[in-house]
Amino acid sequence: LNLLRGAGLDGLRGMPVERRPLIGLRRSETHALCAELGLDPVIDASNDDLSLRRNRVRHELLPLLDAVAARDVVPVVARQAELLADDAALLDALSEVIDATDAKALRAAPLPLARRAVRSWLRCGSDAEHHPPDAATVERVLAVARGEAAATDVGGGRRVTRSRGRLTIAP
């Protein structure tokens, strides 16, 4: 679903298993586990509503991908998400040493790390702490860091400006 939204690496890595321990189970496995434990699974009727994109992916797109690939693609997608999570964690660690308020540091950093540093900086203390800024917003902030723009709006009534080589966020 995040691929269809145009998500980058973070969106493609999927949800952390630590937050949702049953996410790795197929529906049939969840039902079998409930039966074994004598539990009645909760059936969410909204999961059959094809007006919701997530359900169309589950009920229409995944079976089509299975047919085209001539195999069950869910384990393949899950494995890719795990690999991407490892890559994202490495990039997160590398980008943490970049001061996103230092225009010179952002210009000197490899672009993927500069983007991650800016994205993290913009998320801190904002209403968007759970949703990263979009790619266009990050690119506009990097343009400010490069001196190509004096300032830019970053959403939520906030604006990034540059003065004496430092970026600041102002309401």
C-alpha atoms as a PDB file:
ATOM      1  CA  LEU A   1       0.000   0.000   0.000  1.00  0.00           C
ATOM      2  CA  ASN A   2       2.827   2.404   0.815  1.00  0.00           C
ATOM      3  CA  LEU A   3       4.415   1.631  -2.551  1.00  0.00           C
ATOM      4  CA  LEU A   4       1.228   2.885  -4.201  1.00  0.00           C
ATOM      5  CA  ARG A   5       1.394   6.037  -2.068  1.00  0.00           C
ATOM      6  CA  GLY A   6       4.921   6.752  -3.282  1.00  0.00           C
ATOM      7  CA  ALA A   7       6.554   6.085   0.064  1.00  0.00           C
ATOM      8  CA  GLY A   8      10.297   5.900   0.330  1.00  0.00           C
ATOM      9  CA  LEU A   9      12.400   3.448   2.251  1.00  0.00           C
ATOM     10  CA  ASP A  10      10.736   4.131   5.603  1.00  0.00           C
ATOM     11  CA  GLY A  11       7.268   3.433   4.257  1.00  0.00           C
ATOM     12  CA  LEU A  12       8.362   0.284   2.463  1.00  0.00           C
ATOM     13  CA  ARG A  13      10.006  -1.240   5.518  1.00  0.00           C
ATOM     14  CA  GLY A  14       6.609  -1.982   7.022  1.00  0.00           C
ATOM     15  CA  MET A  15       5.427  -1.915  10.604  1.00  0.00           C
ATOM     16  CA  PRO A  16       7.836  -2.969  13.332  1.00  0.00           C
ATOM     17  CA  VAL A  17       7.052  -6.452  14.618  1.00  0.00           C
ATOM     18  CA  GLU A  18       7.737  -5.243  18.182  1.00  0.00           C
ATOM     19  CA  ARG A  19       4.656  -3.013  18.009  1.00  0.00           C
ATOM     20  CA  ARG A  20       2.422  -5.620  16.366  1.00  0.00           C
ATOM     21  CA  PRO A  21       3.650  -9.115  17.294  1.00  0.00           C
ATOM     22  CA  LEU A  22       0.950 -10.929  15.297  1.00  0.00           C
ATOM     23  CA  ILE A  23       1.621  -9.048  12.072  1.00  0.00           C
ATOM     24  CA  GLY A  24       3.756 -11.894  10.752  1.00  0.00           C
ATOM     25  CA  LEU A  25       0.860 -14.351  10.927  1.00  0.00           C
ATOM     26  CA  ARG A  26      -1.456 -15.024   8.025  1.00  0.00           C
ATOM     27  CA  ARG A  27      -5.172 -14.783   8.713  1.00  0.00           C
ATOM     28  CA  SER A  28      -5.527 -18.568   8.545  1.00  0.00           C
ATOM     29  CA  GLU A  29      -2.704 -18.932  11.089  1.00  0.00           C
ATOM     30  CA  THR A  30      -4.345 -16.427  13.414  1.00  0.00           C
ATOM     31  CA  HIS A  31      -7.660 -18.289  13.188  1.00  0.00           C
ATOM     32  CA  ALA A  32      -5.903 -21.639  13.824  1.00  0.00           C
ATOM     33  CA  LEU A  33      -4.090 -20.198  16.851  1.00  0.00           C
ATOM     34  CA  CYS A  34      -7.366 -18.833  18.237  1.00  0.00           C
ATOM     35  CA  ALA A  35      -9.042 -22.211  17.723  1.00  0.00           C
ATOM     36  CA  GLU A  36      -6.159 -23.968  19.472  1.00  0.00           C
ATOM     37  CA  LEU A  37      -6.406 -21.583  22.426  1.00  0.00           C
ATOM     38  CA  GLY A  38     -10.209 -21.715  22.538  1.00  0.00           C
ATOM     39  CA  LEU A  39     -10.560 -18.050  21.588  1.00  0.00           C
ATOM     40  CA  ASP A  40     -13.083 -16.478  19.250  1.00  0.00           C
ATOM     41  CA  PRO A  41     -11.308 -14.177  16.795  1.00  0.00           C
ATOM     42  CA  VAL A  42     -12.809 -10.749  16.283  1.00  0.00           C
ATOM     43  CA  ILE A  43     -14.072 -10.367  12.755  1.00  0.00           C
ATOM     44  CA  ASP A  44     -13.790  -6.796  11.481  1.00  0.00           C
ATOM     45  CA  ALA A  45     -16.406  -6.376   8.746  1.00  0.00           C
ATOM     46  CA  SER A  46     -14.517  -3.384   7.358  1.00  0.00           C
ATOM     47  CA  ASN A  47     -11.842  -5.809   6.110  1.00  0.00           C
ATOM     48  CA  ASP A  48     -14.249  -6.890   3.365  1.00  0.00           C
ATOM     49  CA  ASP A  49     -15.100  -3.328   2.253  1.00  0.00           C
ATOM     50  CA  LEU A  50     -13.542  -2.973  -1.206  1.00  0.00           C
ATOM     51  CA  SER A  51     -14.032   0.792  -1.166  1.00  0.00           C
ATOM     52  CA  LEU A  52     -11.001   0.856   1.157  1.00  0.00           C
ATOM     53  CA  ARG A  53      -7.723   0.730  -0.769  1.00  0.00           C
ATOM     54  CA  ARG A  54      -6.031  -1.577   1.766  1.00  0.00           C
ATOM     55  CA  ASN A  55      -8.742  -4.171   1.164  1.00  0.00           C
ATOM     56  CA  ARG A  56      -8.497  -3.923  -2.616  1.00  0.00           C
ATOM     57  CA  VAL A  57      -4.762  -4.564  -2.291  1.00  0.00           C
ATOM     58  CA  ARG A  58      -5.427  -7.578  -0.057  1.00  0.00           C
ATOM     59  CA  HIS A  59      -8.352  -9.034  -2.058  1.00  0.00           C
ATOM     60  CA  GLU A  60      -7.447  -8.053  -5.633  1.00  0.00           C
ATOM     61  CA  LEU A  61      -3.823  -7.001  -6.069  1.00  0.00           C
ATOM     62  CA  LEU A  62      -2.097  -9.681  -3.980  1.00  0.00           C
ATOM     63  CA  PRO A  63      -3.934 -12.555  -5.725  1.00  0.00           C
ATOM     64  CA  LEU A  64      -3.015 -10.990  -9.086  1.00  0.00           C
ATOM     65  CA  LEU A  65       0.637 -10.737  -8.057  1.00  0.00           C
ATOM     66  CA  ASP A  66       0.529 -14.359  -6.881  1.00  0.00           C
ATOM     67  CA  ALA A  67      -0.821 -15.390 -10.286  1.00  0.00           C
ATOM     68  CA  VAL A  68       1.753 -13.361 -12.239  1.00  0.00           C
ATOM     69  CA  ALA A  69       4.648 -14.612 -10.078  1.00  0.00           C
ATOM     70  CA  ALA A  70       3.263 -18.150  -9.950  1.00  0.00           C
ATOM     71  CA  ARG A  71       3.969 -18.196  -6.203  1.00  0.00           C
ATOM     72  CA  ASP A  72       2.812 -16.730  -2.913  1.00  0.00           C
ATOM     73  CA  VAL A  73       4.314 -13.214  -2.907  1.00  0.00           C
ATOM     74  CA  VAL A  74       3.451 -12.323   0.694  1.00  0.00           C
ATOM     75  CA  PRO A  75       6.590 -13.961   2.151  1.00  0.00           C
ATOM     76  CA  VAL A  76       8.680 -12.251  -0.555  1.00  0.00           C
ATOM     77  CA  VAL A  77       7.234  -8.835   0.281  1.00  0.00           C
ATOM     78  CA  ALA A  78       7.670  -9.503   4.003  1.00  0.00           C
ATOM     79  CA  ARG A  79      11.310 -10.479   3.493  1.00  0.00           C
ATOM     80  CA  GLN A  80      11.924  -7.325   1.456  1.00  0.00           C
ATOM     81  CA  ALA A  81      10.360  -5.235   4.229  1.00  0.00           C
ATOM     82  CA  GLU A  82      12.739  -6.813   6.760  1.00  0.00           C
ATOM     83  CA  LEU A  83      15.756  -6.077   4.562  1.00  0.00           C
ATOM     84  CA  LEU A  84      14.622  -2.499   4.034  1.00  0.00           C
ATOM     85  CA  ALA A  85      14.124  -2.071   7.779  1.00  0.00           C
ATOM     86  CA  ASP A  86      17.776  -2.988   8.323  1.00  0.00           C
ATOM     87  CA  ASP A  87      18.876  -0.519   5.650  1.00  0.00           C
ATOM     88  CA  ALA A  88      16.677   2.219   7.115  1.00  0.00           C
ATOM     89  CA  ALA A  89      18.105   1.611  10.589  1.00  0.00           C
ATOM     90  CA  LEU A  90      21.644   2.017   9.258  1.00  0.00           C
ATOM     91  CA  LEU A  91      20.768   5.234   7.439  1.00  0.00           C
ATOM     92  CA  ASP A  92      19.033   6.538  10.574  1.00  0.00           C
ATOM     93  CA  ALA A  93      22.165   5.905  12.625  1.00  0.00           C
ATOM     94  CA  LEU A  94      24.420   7.551  10.054  1.00  0.00           C
ATOM     95  CA  SER A  95      22.165  10.593   9.712  1.00  0.00           C
ATOM     96  CA  GLU A  96      21.982  11.194  13.468  1.00  0.00           C
ATOM     97  CA  VAL A  97      25.438  12.797  13.445  1.00  0.00           C
ATOM     98  CA  ILE A  98      24.321  15.467  10.963  1.00  0.00           C
ATOM     99  CA  ASP A  99      23.152  18.732  12.488  1.00  0.00           C
ATOM    100  CA  ALA A 100      20.096  19.507  10.378  1.00  0.00           C
ATOM    101  CA  THR A 101      20.201  23.137  11.484  1.00  0.00           C
ATOM    102  CA  ASP A 102      23.710  23.581  10.026  1.00  0.00           C
ATOM    103  CA  ALA A 103      23.379  24.512   6.348  1.00  0.00           C
ATOM    104  CA  LYS A 104      27.040  23.695   5.645  1.00  0.00           C
ATOM    105  CA  ALA A 105      26.719  20.233   7.233  1.00  0.00           C
ATOM    106  CA  LEU A 106      23.618  19.499   5.165  1.00  0.00           C
ATOM    107  CA  ARG A 107      25.353  20.571   1.958  1.00  0.00           C
ATOM    108  CA  ALA A 108      28.386  18.408   2.756  1.00  0.00           C
ATOM    109  CA  ALA A 109      26.413  15.301   3.672  1.00  0.00           C
ATOM    110  CA  PRO A 110      25.459  12.649   1.124  1.00  0.00           C
ATOM    111  CA  LEU A 111      21.973  13.533  -0.108  1.00  0.00           C
ATOM    112  CA  PRO A 112      20.192  10.472   1.375  1.00  0.00           C
ATOM    113  CA  LEU A 113      21.631  11.250   4.817  1.00  0.00           C
ATOM    114  CA  ALA A 114      20.849  14.965   4.529  1.00  0.00           C
ATOM    115  CA  ARG A 115      17.254  14.107   3.635  1.00  0.00           C
ATOM    116  CA  ARG A 116      16.927  11.808   6.649  1.00  0.00           C
ATOM    117  CA  ALA A 117      18.443  14.418   8.980  1.00  0.00           C
ATOM    118  CA  VAL A 118      16.008  17.076   7.736  1.00  0.00           C
ATOM    119  CA  ARG A 119      13.042  14.700   7.934  1.00  0.00           C
ATOM    120  CA  SER A 120      13.913  13.802  11.522  1.00  0.00           C
ATOM    121  CA  TRP A 121      14.445  17.460  12.476  1.00  0.00           C
ATOM    122  CA  LEU A 122      11.097  18.507  10.984  1.00  0.00           C
ATOM    123  CA  ARG A 123       9.275  15.731  12.848  1.00  0.00           C
ATOM    124  CA  CYS A 124      10.625  16.710  16.281  1.00  0.00           C
ATOM    125  CA  GLY A 125       8.191  18.757  18.308  1.00  0.00           C
ATOM    126  CA  SER A 126       5.590  18.909  15.566  1.00  0.00           C
ATOM    127  CA  ASP A 127       2.110  17.532  15.102  1.00  0.00           C
ATOM    128  CA  ALA A 128       3.695  15.344  12.436  1.00  0.00           C
ATOM    129  CA  GLU A 129       5.758  13.269  14.885  1.00  0.00           C
ATOM    130  CA  HIS A 130       4.132  10.104  13.569  1.00  0.00           C
ATOM    131  CA  HIS A 131       4.057  11.096   9.904  1.00  0.00           C
ATOM    132  CA  PRO A 132       7.211  12.315   8.230  1.00  0.00           C
ATOM    133  CA  PRO A 133       7.120  15.366   5.996  1.00  0.00           C
ATOM    134  CA  ASP A 134       6.723  14.618   2.321  1.00  0.00           C
ATOM    135  CA  ALA A 135       9.675  14.520  -0.062  1.00  0.00           C
ATOM    136  CA  ALA A 136       8.827  17.901  -1.595  1.00  0.00           C
ATOM    137  CA  THR A 137       8.967  19.588   1.814  1.00  0.00           C
ATOM    138  CA  VAL A 138      12.341  18.014   2.597  1.00  0.00           C
ATOM    139  CA  GLU A 139      13.698  19.107  -0.793  1.00  0.00           C
ATOM    140  CA  ARG A 140      12.503  22.688  -0.175  1.00  0.00           C
ATOM    141  CA  VAL A 141      14.340  22.742   3.171  1.00  0.00           C
ATOM    142  CA  LEU A 142      17.494  21.477   1.466  1.00  0.00           C
ATOM    143  CA  ALA A 143      17.110  24.279  -1.088  1.00  0.00           C
ATOM    144  CA  VAL A 144      17.090  26.734   1.830  1.00  0.00           C
ATOM    145  CA  ALA A 145      20.250  25.074   3.182  1.00  0.00           C
ATOM    146  CA  ARG A 146      21.917  25.423  -0.225  1.00  0.00           C
ATOM    147  CA  GLY A 147      20.966  29.101  -0.379  1.00  0.00           C
ATOM    148  CA  GLU A 148      18.622  28.605  -3.332  1.00  0.00           C
ATOM    149  CA  ALA A 149      15.678  29.909  -1.290  1.00  0.00           C
ATOM    150  CA  ALA A 150      15.489  32.262   1.673  1.00  0.00           C
ATOM    151  CA  ALA A 151      12.754  30.314   3.464  1.00  0.00           C
ATOM    152  CA  THR A 152      10.047  27.724   2.951  1.00  0.00           C
ATOM    153  CA  ASP A 153       6.791  26.649   4.526  1.00  0.00           C
ATOM    154  CA  VAL A 154       6.959  23.166   6.025  1.00  0.00           C
ATOM    155  CA  GLY A 155       3.340  22.712   7.049  1.00  0.00           C
ATOM    156  CA  GLY A 156       1.507  23.141  10.308  1.00  0.00           C
ATOM    157  CA  GLY A 157       1.963  26.904  10.113  1.00  0.00           C
ATOM    158  CA  ARG A 158       5.725  26.464  10.434  1.00  0.00           C
ATOM    159  CA  ARG A 159       8.424  28.011   8.285  1.00  0.00           C
ATOM    160  CA  VAL A 160      12.125  27.182   7.901  1.00  0.00           C
ATOM    161  CA  THR A 161      14.479  30.130   7.460  1.00  0.00           C
ATOM    162  CA  ARG A 162      18.242  30.457   7.119  1.00  0.00           C
ATOM    163  CA  SER A 163      20.378  33.056   8.833  1.00  0.00           C
ATOM    164  CA  ARG A 164      24.170  33.011   9.219  1.00  0.00           C
ATOM    165  CA  GLY A 165      24.353  29.431   8.038  1.00  0.00           C
ATOM    166  CA  ARG A 166      21.765  28.140  10.525  1.00  0.00           C
ATOM    167  CA  LEU A 167      18.283  26.848   9.762  1.00  0.00           C
ATOM    168  CA  THR A 168      15.487  27.554  12.188  1.00  0.00           C
ATOM    169  CA  ILE A 169      11.823  26.618  12.397  1.00  0.00           C
ATOM    170  CA  ALA A 170       9.426  29.390  13.303  1.00  0.00           C
ATOM    171  CA  PRO A 171       5.689  29.204  13.797  1.00  0.00           C
END
